[in-house]
Amino acid sequence: MTSYTTATIAELERPDGWSPIRKQLGVQAFGVNAWTAREAGAAVIPEHEEVSSGHEELYLVVAGRALFSVAGEEIDAPAGTIVFVPDPATKRGAVAREAGTTVFALGARPGDAYRPRAWETNVDVFPMFDEGRFEEAKQLLLEALGQYEDQGTLLYNLACAEARLGDPDAALDYLRAALEERPDLRESAGGDEDLATLREDPRFAELIGTR
């Protein structure tokens, strides 16, 4: 076993612009990733908050120039700019002002041991759903169970996969487990086309509170 690992952001970069540094290098103490926008005007950090994770986040523009929006305020961020957002509830995001803009990001919850979050798997699941690769998505989600701090969205997506694959019992079991962890997903479930085959099942109506 070597005492260190080296890589470049470009070597790790995927076609969608994400360089999954934590996942590829096996970092366990904190979340660390990078995103690259291929053209000016493209989102390099999607607008989001970190309430569910409790993470504080630090962003470093390592190439190009970004325009950050943090709590409604705009920040011009050329290469070398650091933007630190300590409050998880603060909305933040960034767009590239130049093609090839790359933002390096670190995050963790103060005072607690870090555990990775399920978005790392879900980001690969959504294209599989778009392409109809439901069995492949199901296998990826099953492998991810137990790896992440948050399980709710994994279970929800498993429910969607099973519904698409024609197994309503499994779909409802996963949906029930998902809603126990993430009750806020109940509203999404009601209109989710991936769950459309369950809508005539009285158990589904009971789960999402429409009866």
N, C-alpha and C. Protein backbone atom coordinates (compact mmCIF):
# COMPACT_ATOMS: atom_id res chain seq x y z
N MET A 1 0.85 -1.19 0.00
CA MET A 1 0.00 0.00 0.00
C MET A 1 0.88 1.23 0.00
N THR A 2 0.66 2.16 -0.96
CA THR A 2 1.47 3.37 -1.02
C THR A 2 1.06 4.35 0.06
N SER A 3 1.96 5.25 0.41
CA SER A 3 1.68 6.23 1.46
C SER A 3 1.02 7.49 0.93
N TYR A 4 0.82 7.58 -0.37
CA TYR A 4 0.15 8.75 -0.95
C TYR A 4 -0.43 8.39 -2.31
N THR A 5 -1.30 9.26 -2.79
CA THR A 5 -1.91 9.11 -4.11
C THR A 5 -1.82 10.45 -4.83
N THR A 6 -1.54 10.43 -6.10
CA THR A 6 -1.54 11.66 -6.87
C THR A 6 -2.54 11.55 -8.02
N ALA A 7 -3.08 12.69 -8.41
CA ALA A 7 -3.99 12.76 -9.54
C ALA A 7 -4.12 14.22 -9.92
N THR A 8 -4.63 14.48 -11.10
CA THR A 8 -4.98 15.84 -11.48
C THR A 8 -6.49 15.93 -11.62
N ILE A 9 -7.03 17.13 -11.47
CA ILE A 9 -8.46 17.33 -11.65
C ILE A 9 -8.88 16.88 -13.04
N ALA A 10 -8.06 17.21 -14.04
CA ALA A 10 -8.38 16.86 -15.42
C ALA A 10 -8.43 15.34 -15.62
N GLU A 11 -7.52 14.61 -14.96
CA GLU A 11 -7.51 13.15 -15.08
C GLU A 11 -8.79 12.53 -14.53
N LEU A 12 -9.34 13.13 -13.48
CA LEU A 12 -10.52 12.59 -12.82
C LEU A 12 -11.82 13.10 -13.43
N GLU A 13 -11.73 14.12 -14.28
CA GLU A 13 -12.93 14.76 -14.80
C GLU A 13 -13.76 13.83 -15.68
N ARG A 14 -15.06 13.81 -15.44
CA ARG A 14 -16.00 13.02 -16.22
C ARG A 14 -16.61 13.88 -17.32
N PRO A 15 -17.32 13.26 -18.26
CA PRO A 15 -17.94 14.04 -19.34
C PRO A 15 -18.89 15.12 -18.85
N ASP A 16 -19.50 14.94 -17.67
CA ASP A 16 -20.42 15.96 -17.15
C ASP A 16 -19.70 17.09 -16.41
N GLY A 17 -18.35 17.05 -16.37
CA GLY A 17 -17.59 18.11 -15.73
C GLY A 17 -17.25 17.87 -14.28
N TRP A 18 -17.80 16.82 -13.68
CA TRP A 18 -17.52 16.51 -12.28
C TRP A 18 -16.23 15.72 -12.16
N SER A 19 -15.35 16.15 -11.28
CA SER A 19 -14.15 15.38 -10.92
C SER A 19 -14.40 14.83 -9.51
N PRO A 20 -14.76 13.54 -9.39
CA PRO A 20 -15.14 12.96 -8.09
C PRO A 20 -13.91 12.61 -7.24
N ILE A 21 -13.28 13.62 -6.72
CA ILE A 21 -12.00 13.46 -6.02
C ILE A 21 -12.14 12.55 -4.80
N ARG A 22 -13.15 12.82 -3.95
CA ARG A 22 -13.32 12.01 -2.74
C ARG A 22 -13.53 10.55 -3.09
N LYS A 23 -14.43 10.32 -4.04
CA LYS A 23 -14.80 8.96 -4.40
C LYS A 23 -13.64 8.20 -5.04
N GLN A 24 -12.94 8.85 -5.95
CA GLN A 24 -11.87 8.18 -6.67
C GLN A 24 -10.63 7.95 -5.81
N LEU A 25 -10.31 8.89 -4.90
CA LEU A 25 -9.12 8.76 -4.08
C LEU A 25 -9.40 8.07 -2.75
N GLY A 26 -10.69 7.88 -2.42
CA GLY A 26 -11.04 7.23 -1.16
C GLY A 26 -10.90 8.11 0.06
N VAL A 27 -11.07 9.43 -0.11
CA VAL A 27 -10.98 10.36 1.02
C VAL A 27 -12.13 10.10 1.98
N GLN A 28 -11.83 9.97 3.27
CA GLN A 28 -12.84 9.63 4.27
C GLN A 28 -13.14 10.76 5.26
N ALA A 29 -12.25 11.73 5.38
CA ALA A 29 -12.39 12.73 6.44
C ALA A 29 -13.25 13.91 6.05
N PHE A 30 -13.45 14.14 4.76
CA PHE A 30 -14.22 15.31 4.32
C PHE A 30 -14.64 15.10 2.87
N GLY A 31 -15.65 15.85 2.46
CA GLY A 31 -16.07 15.81 1.07
C GLY A 31 -15.19 16.73 0.25
N VAL A 32 -14.72 16.27 -0.88
CA VAL A 32 -13.88 17.09 -1.75
C VAL A 32 -14.13 16.70 -3.21
N ASN A 33 -14.44 17.69 -4.02
CA ASN A 33 -14.77 17.47 -5.42
C ASN A 33 -14.35 18.69 -6.22
N ALA A 34 -14.42 18.58 -7.53
CA ALA A 34 -14.21 19.73 -8.40
C ALA A 34 -15.19 19.65 -9.55
N TRP A 35 -15.55 20.80 -10.08
CA TRP A 35 -16.45 20.88 -11.23
C TRP A 35 -15.87 21.83 -12.26
N THR A 36 -15.99 21.45 -13.51
CA THR A 36 -15.48 22.26 -14.61
C THR A 36 -16.61 22.56 -15.59
N ALA A 37 -16.75 23.82 -15.95
CA ALA A 37 -17.74 24.23 -16.96
C ALA A 37 -17.04 24.38 -18.30
N ARG A 38 -17.59 23.77 -19.32
CA ARG A 38 -16.95 23.77 -20.63
C ARG A 38 -17.18 25.06 -21.41
N GLU A 39 -18.20 25.83 -21.02
CA GLU A 39 -18.46 27.07 -21.74
C GLU A 39 -18.91 28.15 -20.77
N ALA A 40 -18.69 29.40 -21.18
CA ALA A 40 -19.11 30.54 -20.36
C ALA A 40 -20.62 30.53 -20.22
N GLY A 41 -21.11 30.86 -19.02
CA GLY A 41 -22.54 30.89 -18.75
C GLY A 41 -23.09 29.60 -18.19
N ALA A 42 -22.32 28.53 -18.25
CA ALA A 42 -22.78 27.24 -17.72
C ALA A 42 -22.64 27.22 -16.20
N ALA A 43 -23.55 26.50 -15.55
CA ALA A 43 -23.45 26.34 -14.09
C ALA A 43 -22.23 25.51 -13.76
N VAL A 44 -21.43 25.99 -12.82
CA VAL A 44 -20.28 25.21 -12.38
C VAL A 44 -20.52 24.68 -10.96
N ILE A 45 -21.29 25.42 -10.17
CA ILE A 45 -21.82 24.93 -8.89
C ILE A 45 -23.33 25.16 -8.93
N PRO A 46 -24.15 24.11 -9.07
CA PRO A 46 -25.60 24.32 -9.11
C PRO A 46 -26.08 24.99 -7.82
N GLU A 47 -27.09 25.83 -7.94
CA GLU A 47 -27.63 26.49 -6.75
C GLU A 47 -28.18 25.44 -5.79
N HIS A 48 -27.80 25.54 -4.52
CA HIS A 48 -28.24 24.57 -3.53
C HIS A 48 -27.99 25.12 -2.13
N GLU A 49 -28.49 24.40 -1.14
CA GLU A 49 -28.13 24.64 0.27
C GLU A 49 -27.73 23.30 0.86
N GLU A 50 -27.24 23.31 2.09
CA GLU A 50 -26.72 22.09 2.71
C GLU A 50 -27.42 21.76 4.03
N VAL A 51 -28.71 22.14 4.13
CA VAL A 51 -29.43 21.91 5.38
C VAL A 51 -29.46 20.43 5.74
N SER A 52 -29.73 19.57 4.77
CA SER A 52 -29.86 18.14 5.08
C SER A 52 -28.53 17.53 5.52
N SER A 53 -27.42 18.05 5.02
CA SER A 53 -26.11 17.51 5.39
C SER A 53 -25.50 18.22 6.60
N GLY A 54 -25.87 19.49 6.80
CA GLY A 54 -25.25 20.28 7.87
C GLY A 54 -23.83 20.71 7.55
N HIS A 55 -23.42 20.57 6.30
CA HIS A 55 -22.03 20.87 5.93
C HIS A 55 -21.78 22.37 5.81
N GLU A 56 -20.59 22.80 6.25
CA GLU A 56 -20.06 24.08 5.81
C GLU A 56 -19.19 23.78 4.60
N GLU A 57 -19.12 24.74 3.67
CA GLU A 57 -18.40 24.47 2.43
C GLU A 57 -17.43 25.60 2.07
N LEU A 58 -16.31 25.19 1.49
CA LEU A 58 -15.31 26.13 1.00
C LEU A 58 -15.09 25.86 -0.48
N TYR A 59 -15.11 26.92 -1.28
CA TYR A 59 -14.90 26.82 -2.72
C TYR A 59 -13.65 27.59 -3.10
N LEU A 60 -12.88 27.02 -4.01
CA LEU A 60 -11.67 27.67 -4.53
C LEU A 60 -11.72 27.61 -6.05
N VAL A 61 -11.68 28.78 -6.68
CA VAL A 61 -11.65 28.82 -8.14
C VAL A 61 -10.20 28.57 -8.57
N VAL A 62 -9.96 27.45 -9.22
CA VAL A 62 -8.59 27.08 -9.57
C VAL A 62 -8.26 27.39 -11.03
N ALA A 63 -9.28 27.66 -11.86
CA ALA A 63 -9.02 28.03 -13.26
C ALA A 63 -10.20 28.84 -13.76
N GLY A 64 -9.94 29.77 -14.66
CA GLY A 64 -10.99 30.57 -15.26
C GLY A 64 -11.51 31.65 -14.33
N ARG A 65 -12.81 31.92 -14.42
CA ARG A 65 -13.45 32.96 -13.63
C ARG A 65 -14.90 32.57 -13.41
N ALA A 66 -15.37 32.68 -12.19
CA ALA A 66 -16.75 32.31 -11.85
C ALA A 66 -17.50 33.50 -11.29
N LEU A 67 -18.81 33.45 -11.40
CA LEU A 67 -19.68 34.42 -10.74
C LEU A 67 -20.50 33.64 -9.72
N PHE A 68 -20.19 33.84 -8.43
CA PHE A 68 -20.92 33.18 -7.36
C PHE A 68 -22.13 34.01 -6.96
N SER A 69 -23.17 33.32 -6.54
CA SER A 69 -24.31 33.95 -5.88
C SER A 69 -24.45 33.29 -4.52
N VAL A 70 -24.28 34.07 -3.46
CA VAL A 70 -24.35 33.55 -2.10
C VAL A 70 -25.33 34.42 -1.31
N ALA A 71 -26.41 33.83 -0.84
CA ALA A 71 -27.45 34.55 -0.10
C ALA A 71 -27.93 35.76 -0.90
N GLY A 72 -28.02 35.60 -2.22
CA GLY A 72 -28.52 36.67 -3.06
C GLY A 72 -27.49 37.71 -3.48
N GLU A 73 -26.28 37.60 -2.97
CA GLU A 73 -25.22 38.55 -3.33
C GLU A 73 -24.29 37.94 -4.36
N GLU A 74 -23.90 38.73 -5.36
CA GLU A 74 -23.02 38.25 -6.40
C GLU A 74 -21.56 38.53 -6.07
N ILE A 75 -20.71 37.56 -6.37
CA ILE A 75 -19.28 37.67 -6.08
C ILE A 75 -18.51 37.33 -7.34
N ASP A 76 -17.76 38.28 -7.86
CA ASP A 76 -16.89 38.00 -9.00
C ASP A 76 -15.69 37.23 -8.47
N ALA A 77 -15.41 36.08 -9.08
CA ALA A 77 -14.40 35.18 -8.51
C ALA A 77 -13.42 34.71 -9.58
N PRO A 78 -12.35 35.49 -9.82
CA PRO A 78 -11.30 35.01 -10.73
C PRO A 78 -10.49 33.89 -10.08
N ALA A 79 -9.64 33.22 -10.86
CA ALA A 79 -8.81 32.14 -10.33
C ALA A 79 -8.06 32.61 -9.09
N GLY A 80 -8.08 31.77 -8.05
CA GLY A 80 -7.43 32.10 -6.79
C GLY A 80 -8.40 32.57 -5.72
N THR A 81 -9.66 32.85 -6.11
CA THR A 81 -10.66 33.33 -5.15
C THR A 81 -11.18 32.19 -4.29
N ILE A 82 -11.27 32.44 -2.99
CA ILE A 82 -11.85 31.50 -2.03
C ILE A 82 -13.20 32.05 -1.58
N VAL A 83 -14.22 31.21 -1.60
CA VAL A 83 -15.54 31.56 -1.08
C VAL A 83 -15.91 30.54 -0.01
N PHE A 84 -16.08 31.00 1.22
CA PHE A 84 -16.41 30.11 2.33
C PHE A 84 -17.84 30.38 2.77
N VAL A 85 -18.66 29.32 2.83
CA VAL A 85 -20.06 29.44 3.23
C VAL A 85 -20.27 28.56 4.47
N PRO A 86 -20.24 29.16 5.67
CA PRO A 86 -20.34 28.35 6.89
C PRO A 86 -21.75 27.90 7.25
N ASP A 87 -22.77 28.66 6.85
CA ASP A 87 -24.15 28.36 7.24
C ASP A 87 -24.77 27.41 6.23
N PRO A 88 -25.14 26.19 6.64
CA PRO A 88 -25.72 25.23 5.70
C PRO A 88 -27.00 25.73 5.02
N ALA A 89 -27.72 26.64 5.67
CA ALA A 89 -28.99 27.11 5.12
C ALA A 89 -28.82 28.17 4.03
N THR A 90 -27.63 28.66 3.85
CA THR A 90 -27.39 29.71 2.86
C THR A 90 -27.42 29.15 1.44
N LYS A 91 -28.25 29.73 0.59
CA LYS A 91 -28.27 29.34 -0.82
C LYS A 91 -26.98 29.83 -1.48
N ARG A 92 -26.39 28.92 -2.29
CA ARG A 92 -25.18 29.28 -3.01
C ARG A 92 -25.14 28.58 -4.36
N GLY A 93 -24.40 29.18 -5.29
CA GLY A 93 -24.24 28.59 -6.61
C GLY A 93 -23.25 29.44 -7.39
N ALA A 94 -22.83 28.95 -8.54
CA ALA A 94 -21.88 29.71 -9.36
C ALA A 94 -22.02 29.33 -10.82
N VAL A 95 -21.82 30.32 -11.69
CA VAL A 95 -21.76 30.08 -13.13
C VAL A 95 -20.38 30.48 -13.63
N ALA A 96 -19.96 29.87 -14.72
CA ALA A 96 -18.66 30.18 -15.30
C ALA A 96 -18.74 31.47 -16.12
N ARG A 97 -17.75 32.32 -15.96
CA ARG A 97 -17.64 33.50 -16.82
C ARG A 97 -16.70 33.24 -17.99
N GLU A 98 -15.95 32.15 -17.88
CA GLU A 98 -15.03 31.76 -18.96
C GLU A 98 -15.14 30.26 -19.17
N ALA A 99 -14.97 29.83 -20.40
CA ALA A 99 -14.91 28.39 -20.68
C ALA A 99 -13.73 27.78 -19.94
N GLY A 100 -13.92 26.58 -19.40
CA GLY A 100 -12.85 25.91 -18.67
C GLY A 100 -12.72 26.33 -17.22
N THR A 101 -13.70 27.07 -16.71
CA THR A 101 -13.66 27.46 -15.30
C THR A 101 -13.81 26.22 -14.42
N THR A 102 -12.93 26.10 -13.45
CA THR A 102 -12.94 24.95 -12.55
C THR A 102 -13.00 25.43 -11.10
N VAL A 103 -13.93 24.86 -10.34
CA VAL A 103 -14.09 25.19 -8.92
C VAL A 103 -13.86 23.93 -8.09
N PHE A 104 -12.97 24.05 -7.12
CA PHE A 104 -12.62 22.98 -6.17
C PHE A 104 -13.45 23.23 -4.92
N ALA A 105 -14.07 22.19 -4.36
CA ALA A 105 -14.96 22.36 -3.21
C ALA A 105 -14.67 21.35 -2.12
N LEU A 106 -14.69 21.84 -0.87
CA LEU A 106 -14.55 20.97 0.29
C LEU A 106 -15.71 21.21 1.23
N GLY A 107 -16.17 20.15 1.91
CA GLY A 107 -17.28 20.31 2.84
C GLY A 107 -17.30 19.22 3.90
N ALA A 108 -17.84 19.57 5.06
CA ALA A 108 -18.03 18.61 6.16
C ALA A 108 -18.87 19.29 7.23
N ARG A 109 -19.40 18.49 8.15
CA ARG A 109 -20.20 19.02 9.25
C ARG A 109 -19.29 19.25 10.45
N PRO A 110 -19.22 20.46 10.96
CA PRO A 110 -18.32 20.75 12.08
C PRO A 110 -18.58 19.85 13.28
N GLY A 111 -17.52 19.28 13.85
CA GLY A 111 -17.62 18.52 15.08
C GLY A 111 -18.01 17.06 14.93
N ASP A 112 -18.36 16.63 13.71
CA ASP A 112 -18.80 15.25 13.51
C ASP A 112 -17.89 14.53 12.54
N ALA A 113 -17.79 13.23 12.71
CA ALA A 113 -17.05 12.42 11.75
C ALA A 113 -17.76 12.48 10.40
N TYR A 114 -17.00 12.66 9.35
CA TYR A 114 -17.58 12.79 8.02
C TYR A 114 -18.07 11.45 7.49
N ARG A 115 -19.24 11.48 6.84
CA ARG A 115 -19.72 10.34 6.06
C ARG A 115 -20.19 10.86 4.72
N PRO A 116 -19.87 10.18 3.63
CA PRO A 116 -20.26 10.66 2.30
C PRO A 116 -21.78 10.66 2.14
N ARG A 117 -22.23 11.41 1.13
CA ARG A 117 -23.66 11.61 0.89
C ARG A 117 -24.09 10.90 -0.39
N ALA A 118 -25.36 10.53 -0.44
CA ALA A 118 -25.87 9.67 -1.51
C ALA A 118 -25.91 10.33 -2.88
N TRP A 119 -25.77 11.64 -2.98
CA TRP A 119 -25.81 12.27 -4.29
C TRP A 119 -24.71 11.71 -5.20
N GLU A 120 -23.62 11.21 -4.58
CA GLU A 120 -22.52 10.66 -5.38
C GLU A 120 -22.98 9.50 -6.26
N THR A 121 -23.95 8.73 -5.78
CA THR A 121 -24.51 7.64 -6.58
C THR A 121 -25.68 8.11 -7.42
N ASN A 122 -26.54 8.95 -6.84
CA ASN A 122 -27.72 9.40 -7.57
C ASN A 122 -27.37 10.15 -8.84
N VAL A 123 -26.24 10.83 -8.85
CA VAL A 123 -25.84 11.57 -10.05
C VAL A 123 -25.63 10.64 -11.24
N ASP A 124 -25.30 9.38 -10.97
CA ASP A 124 -25.16 8.39 -12.05
C ASP A 124 -26.47 7.66 -12.34
N VAL A 125 -27.36 7.63 -11.36
CA VAL A 125 -28.63 6.92 -11.53
C VAL A 125 -29.57 7.67 -12.47
N PHE A 126 -29.62 8.99 -12.37
CA PHE A 126 -30.58 9.76 -13.16
C PHE A 126 -30.40 9.56 -14.67
N PRO A 127 -29.18 9.58 -15.21
CA PRO A 127 -29.03 9.30 -16.65
C PRO A 127 -29.48 7.88 -17.02
N MET A 128 -29.28 6.94 -16.11
CA MET A 128 -29.74 5.57 -16.39
C MET A 128 -31.26 5.52 -16.53
N PHE A 129 -31.96 6.25 -15.68
CA PHE A 129 -33.41 6.31 -15.78
C PHE A 129 -33.81 6.95 -17.11
N ASP A 130 -33.14 8.03 -17.48
CA ASP A 130 -33.47 8.71 -18.74
C ASP A 130 -33.29 7.79 -19.94
N GLU A 131 -32.34 6.85 -19.83
CA GLU A 131 -32.04 5.94 -20.94
C GLU A 131 -32.76 4.60 -20.81
N GLY A 132 -33.62 4.46 -19.78
CA GLY A 132 -34.38 3.23 -19.62
C GLY A 132 -33.57 2.07 -19.07
N ARG A 133 -32.43 2.35 -18.44
CA ARG A 133 -31.56 1.28 -17.93
C ARG A 133 -31.91 1.01 -16.45
N PHE A 134 -33.13 0.56 -16.22
CA PHE A 134 -33.65 0.46 -14.86
C PHE A 134 -33.00 -0.66 -14.05
N GLU A 135 -32.73 -1.79 -14.68
CA GLU A 135 -32.07 -2.89 -13.97
C GLU A 135 -30.66 -2.49 -13.56
N GLU A 136 -29.96 -1.79 -14.43
CA GLU A 136 -28.61 -1.32 -14.11
C GLU A 136 -28.65 -0.30 -12.97
N ALA A 137 -29.64 0.58 -13.01
CA ALA A 137 -29.79 1.56 -11.94
C ALA A 137 -30.09 0.87 -10.61
N LYS A 138 -30.95 -0.13 -10.66
CA LYS A 138 -31.29 -0.88 -9.44
C LYS A 138 -30.05 -1.50 -8.83
N GLN A 139 -29.21 -2.13 -9.63
CA GLN A 139 -28.01 -2.77 -9.10
C GLN A 139 -27.05 -1.75 -8.49
N LEU A 140 -26.92 -0.60 -9.14
CA LEU A 140 -26.04 0.44 -8.61
C LEU A 140 -26.56 0.95 -7.27
N LEU A 141 -27.86 1.13 -7.16
CA LEU A 141 -28.47 1.61 -5.92
C LEU A 141 -28.33 0.57 -4.80
N LEU A 142 -28.52 -0.70 -5.12
CA LEU A 142 -28.37 -1.75 -4.11
C LEU A 142 -26.94 -1.79 -3.57
N GLU A 143 -25.98 -1.63 -4.46
CA GLU A 143 -24.58 -1.62 -4.03
C GLU A 143 -24.27 -0.43 -3.14
N ALA A 144 -25.01 0.67 -3.33
CA ALA A 144 -24.74 1.89 -2.57
C ALA A 144 -25.36 1.88 -1.17
N LEU A 145 -26.36 1.03 -0.94
CA LEU A 145 -27.00 1.01 0.38
C LEU A 145 -25.97 0.70 1.46
N GLY A 146 -26.00 1.48 2.52
CA GLY A 146 -25.06 1.29 3.62
C GLY A 146 -23.77 2.07 3.47
N GLN A 147 -23.53 2.65 2.29
CA GLN A 147 -22.29 3.39 2.08
C GLN A 147 -22.39 4.85 2.50
N TYR A 148 -23.64 5.35 2.60
CA TYR A 148 -23.83 6.79 2.78
C TYR A 148 -24.57 7.12 4.07
N GLU A 149 -24.36 8.35 4.49
CA GLU A 149 -25.02 8.85 5.69
C GLU A 149 -26.53 8.94 5.48
N ASP A 150 -26.94 9.38 4.30
CA ASP A 150 -28.36 9.52 3.97
C ASP A 150 -28.78 8.41 3.01
N GLN A 151 -29.86 7.73 3.34
CA GLN A 151 -30.34 6.60 2.54
C GLN A 151 -31.66 6.91 1.83
N GLY A 152 -32.35 7.98 2.25
CA GLY A 152 -33.70 8.23 1.77
C GLY A 152 -33.83 8.30 0.27
N THR A 153 -32.95 9.06 -0.40
CA THR A 153 -33.07 9.21 -1.85
C THR A 153 -32.68 7.92 -2.57
N LEU A 154 -31.75 7.16 -2.00
CA LEU A 154 -31.40 5.87 -2.60
C LEU A 154 -32.62 4.94 -2.57
N LEU A 155 -33.28 4.89 -1.43
CA LEU A 155 -34.47 4.03 -1.29
C LEU A 155 -35.59 4.49 -2.21
N TYR A 156 -35.76 5.80 -2.32
CA TYR A 156 -36.78 6.34 -3.21
C TYR A 156 -36.50 5.95 -4.66
N ASN A 157 -35.25 6.10 -5.08
CA ASN A 157 -34.90 5.74 -6.45
C ASN A 157 -35.00 4.23 -6.69
N LEU A 158 -34.75 3.45 -5.65
CA LEU A 158 -34.98 2.00 -5.77
C LEU A 158 -36.47 1.71 -5.98
N ALA A 159 -37.32 2.45 -5.27
CA ALA A 159 -38.77 2.29 -5.46
C ALA A 159 -39.14 2.59 -6.91
N CYS A 160 -38.55 3.67 -7.46
CA CYS A 160 -38.84 4.03 -8.84
C CYS A 160 -38.35 2.95 -9.80
N ALA A 161 -37.17 2.42 -9.54
CA ALA A 161 -36.62 1.37 -10.42
C ALA A 161 -37.50 0.13 -10.39
N GLU A 162 -37.91 -0.28 -9.18
CA GLU A 162 -38.75 -1.49 -9.07
C GLU A 162 -40.11 -1.27 -9.73
N ALA A 163 -40.65 -0.07 -9.60
CA ALA A 163 -41.93 0.23 -10.25
C ALA A 163 -41.79 0.12 -11.77
N ARG A 164 -40.70 0.66 -12.29
CA ARG A 164 -40.45 0.58 -13.73
C ARG A 164 -40.21 -0.86 -14.18
N LEU A 165 -39.67 -1.68 -13.30
CA LEU A 165 -39.37 -3.07 -13.64
C LEU A 165 -40.55 -4.00 -13.39
N GLY A 166 -41.66 -3.43 -12.87
CA GLY A 166 -42.88 -4.23 -12.73
C GLY A 166 -43.01 -5.01 -11.46
N ASP A 167 -42.34 -4.57 -10.37
CA ASP A 167 -42.46 -5.26 -9.09
C ASP A 167 -43.06 -4.29 -8.06
N PRO A 168 -44.39 -4.18 -8.02
CA PRO A 168 -45.03 -3.20 -7.13
C PRO A 168 -44.77 -3.46 -5.65
N ASP A 169 -44.69 -4.71 -5.23
CA ASP A 169 -44.47 -5.00 -3.81
C ASP A 169 -43.12 -4.46 -3.36
N ALA A 170 -42.08 -4.75 -4.13
CA ALA A 170 -40.75 -4.24 -3.79
C ALA A 170 -40.72 -2.72 -3.85
N ALA A 171 -41.38 -2.16 -4.87
CA ALA A 171 -41.41 -0.70 -5.01
C ALA A 171 -42.05 -0.05 -3.79
N LEU A 172 -43.15 -0.59 -3.34
CA LEU A 172 -43.84 -0.02 -2.18
C LEU A 172 -43.04 -0.19 -0.90
N ASP A 173 -42.35 -1.30 -0.77
CA ASP A 173 -41.50 -1.50 0.41
C ASP A 173 -40.38 -0.46 0.45
N TYR A 174 -39.74 -0.23 -0.69
CA TYR A 174 -38.67 0.77 -0.74
C TYR A 174 -39.22 2.17 -0.53
N LEU A 175 -40.38 2.44 -1.10
CA LEU A 175 -40.98 3.77 -0.93
C LEU A 175 -41.34 4.02 0.52
N ARG A 176 -41.88 3.03 1.19
CA ARG A 176 -42.21 3.17 2.61
C ARG A 176 -40.96 3.49 3.42
N ALA A 177 -39.88 2.77 3.16
CA ALA A 177 -38.63 3.02 3.89
C ALA A 177 -38.08 4.40 3.56
N ALA A 178 -38.21 4.81 2.31
CA ALA A 178 -37.71 6.13 1.91
C ALA A 178 -38.45 7.25 2.64
N LEU A 179 -39.76 7.11 2.72
CA LEU A 179 -40.57 8.16 3.34
C LEU A 179 -40.40 8.21 4.85
N GLU A 180 -40.00 7.11 5.44
CA GLU A 180 -39.70 7.13 6.87
C GLU A 180 -38.50 8.03 7.15
N GLU A 181 -37.52 8.00 6.25
CA GLU A 181 -36.33 8.84 6.43
C GLU A 181 -36.54 10.24 5.86
N ARG A 182 -37.26 10.31 4.73
CA ARG A 182 -37.45 11.59 4.05
C ARG A 182 -38.93 11.83 3.77
N PRO A 183 -39.69 12.23 4.80
CA PRO A 183 -41.13 12.50 4.59
C PRO A 183 -41.38 13.57 3.53
N ASP A 184 -40.41 14.43 3.31
CA ASP A 184 -40.58 15.51 2.33
C ASP A 184 -40.68 15.00 0.90
N LEU A 185 -40.30 13.73 0.67
CA LEU A 185 -40.40 13.15 -0.66
C LEU A 185 -41.82 12.71 -1.01
N ARG A 186 -42.71 12.78 -0.04
CA ARG A 186 -44.09 12.32 -0.25
C ARG A 186 -44.77 13.12 -1.38
N GLU A 187 -44.54 14.42 -1.39
CA GLU A 187 -45.17 15.26 -2.42
C GLU A 187 -44.64 14.91 -3.81
N SER A 188 -43.33 14.69 -3.91
CA SER A 188 -42.74 14.32 -5.19
C SER A 188 -43.30 13.00 -5.69
N ALA A 189 -43.50 12.05 -4.77
CA ALA A 189 -43.96 10.72 -5.15
C ALA A 189 -45.31 10.77 -5.84
N GLY A 190 -46.17 11.67 -5.39
CA GLY A 190 -47.52 11.74 -5.94
C GLY A 190 -47.55 12.01 -7.44
N GLY A 191 -46.59 12.79 -7.93
CA GLY A 191 -46.59 13.13 -9.35
C GLY A 191 -45.45 12.53 -10.14
N ASP A 192 -44.70 11.63 -9.52
CA ASP A 192 -43.52 11.05 -10.18
C ASP A 192 -43.94 10.01 -11.21
N GLU A 193 -43.57 10.24 -12.48
CA GLU A 193 -43.95 9.32 -13.54
C GLU A 193 -43.29 7.95 -13.38
N ASP A 194 -42.15 7.90 -12.70
CA ASP A 194 -41.51 6.60 -12.46
C ASP A 194 -42.36 5.72 -11.55
N LEU A 195 -43.26 6.34 -10.79
CA LEU A 195 -44.12 5.59 -9.87
C LEU A 195 -45.55 5.48 -10.39
N ALA A 196 -45.76 5.85 -11.65
CA ALA A 196 -47.12 5.92 -12.20
C ALA A 196 -47.86 4.58 -12.11
N THR A 197 -47.14 3.47 -12.24
CA THR A 197 -47.80 2.15 -12.21
C THR A 197 -48.36 1.80 -10.84
N LEU A 198 -47.99 2.58 -9.82
CA LEU A 198 -48.46 2.29 -8.46
C LEU A 198 -49.70 3.10 -8.09
N ARG A 199 -50.10 4.03 -8.91
CA ARG A 199 -51.12 4.99 -8.50
C ARG A 199 -52.49 4.38 -8.24
N GLU A 200 -52.78 3.25 -8.87
CA GLU A 200 -54.08 2.60 -8.63
C GLU A 200 -54.05 1.66 -7.43
N ASP A 201 -52.87 1.49 -6.84
CA ASP A 201 -52.72 0.60 -5.69
C ASP A 201 -53.10 1.37 -4.42
N PRO A 202 -54.07 0.90 -3.66
CA PRO A 202 -54.48 1.62 -2.45
C PRO A 202 -53.35 1.79 -1.44
N ARG A 203 -52.36 0.90 -1.48
CA ARG A 203 -51.22 1.04 -0.56
C ARG A 203 -50.40 2.28 -0.89
N PHE A 204 -50.32 2.62 -2.18
CA PHE A 204 -49.60 3.81 -2.59
C PHE A 204 -50.31 5.07 -2.10
N ALA A 205 -51.63 5.10 -2.29
CA ALA A 205 -52.41 6.24 -1.83
C ALA A 205 -52.28 6.43 -0.33
N GLU A 206 -52.24 5.34 0.39
CA GLU A 206 -52.08 5.41 1.84
C GLU A 206 -50.71 5.96 2.22
N LEU A 207 -49.68 5.52 1.50
CA LEU A 207 -48.33 5.96 1.80
C LEU A 207 -48.14 7.46 1.57
N ILE A 208 -48.71 7.97 0.49
CA ILE A 208 -48.47 9.38 0.18
C ILE A 208 -49.56 10.29 0.75
N GLY A 209 -50.51 9.68 1.47
CA GLY A 209 -51.49 10.48 2.21
C GLY A 209 -52.61 11.05 1.37
N THR A 210 -53.00 10.35 0.30
CA THR A 210 -54.10 10.85 -0.53
C THR A 210 -55.40 10.12 -0.25
N ARG A 211 -55.39 9.32 0.81
CA ARG A 211 -56.65 8.72 1.22
C ARG A 211 -56.67 8.55 2.73
